[in-house]
Structure formats: C-alpha cells, structure tokens
C-alpha cells in the first residue's frame, strides 16, 4: 500500500503542475500611422528592447493574454486603445476575447 502512495502523489503533482503551466513569449513591434507592426517573433527576453509584446500561453499552447509594453509600462497611445487582450477558452471552439483589464 505504501508503494501505491509513492506513485500516486508524484502523478497528482505532475497533473496539477501541467494544468497550471504558463509560458511567456516576447515579440518586438513598432507602430505606424495606421497599424501596429510585429517586427520580430519570439525573441529572447534580453533582446526584446523597450517596445515589446508579452504573449502568455497555457499548457495547451493557447494564447491567454497579450500585453503591449513600452518602456516597462503598458503601451499608451492616442490612436490605439488596446494594451491588453485576454482570451478565455470555455468549451471546444468557444472562446471570449476581452480588451483592457
């Protein structure tokens, strides 16, 4: 019986850790008069520069949140009103998108 607990506890911990695992990716961007342009895709944290995007994904590699950052603060612009985009996946092929906080 003791052997069963020694196997069961690590399996439960692996399932719990796998379900809550998030990954962050960094992308560089620039703005033009009419749009936001992605310059580089998935750059290293040290190479991201001062204007970048933080993409947070869940354990299924689905995007949970996108944040636009400028000089270590949320991107603020008179032309573009979006600095945070959140995605919520409810059921298969059903999702919601929320802009802002």
Foldseek 3Di string as FASTA:
>chain_A
DVVVVVVVVVVVVVVVCLQADKDKFKWAWDDDPPGIGTDGGRDDPVPRPFWIKIFMAHSVRHTAKIATGGRNHGDDDPVDPAGMKGKADDDVVDIDIDGDD
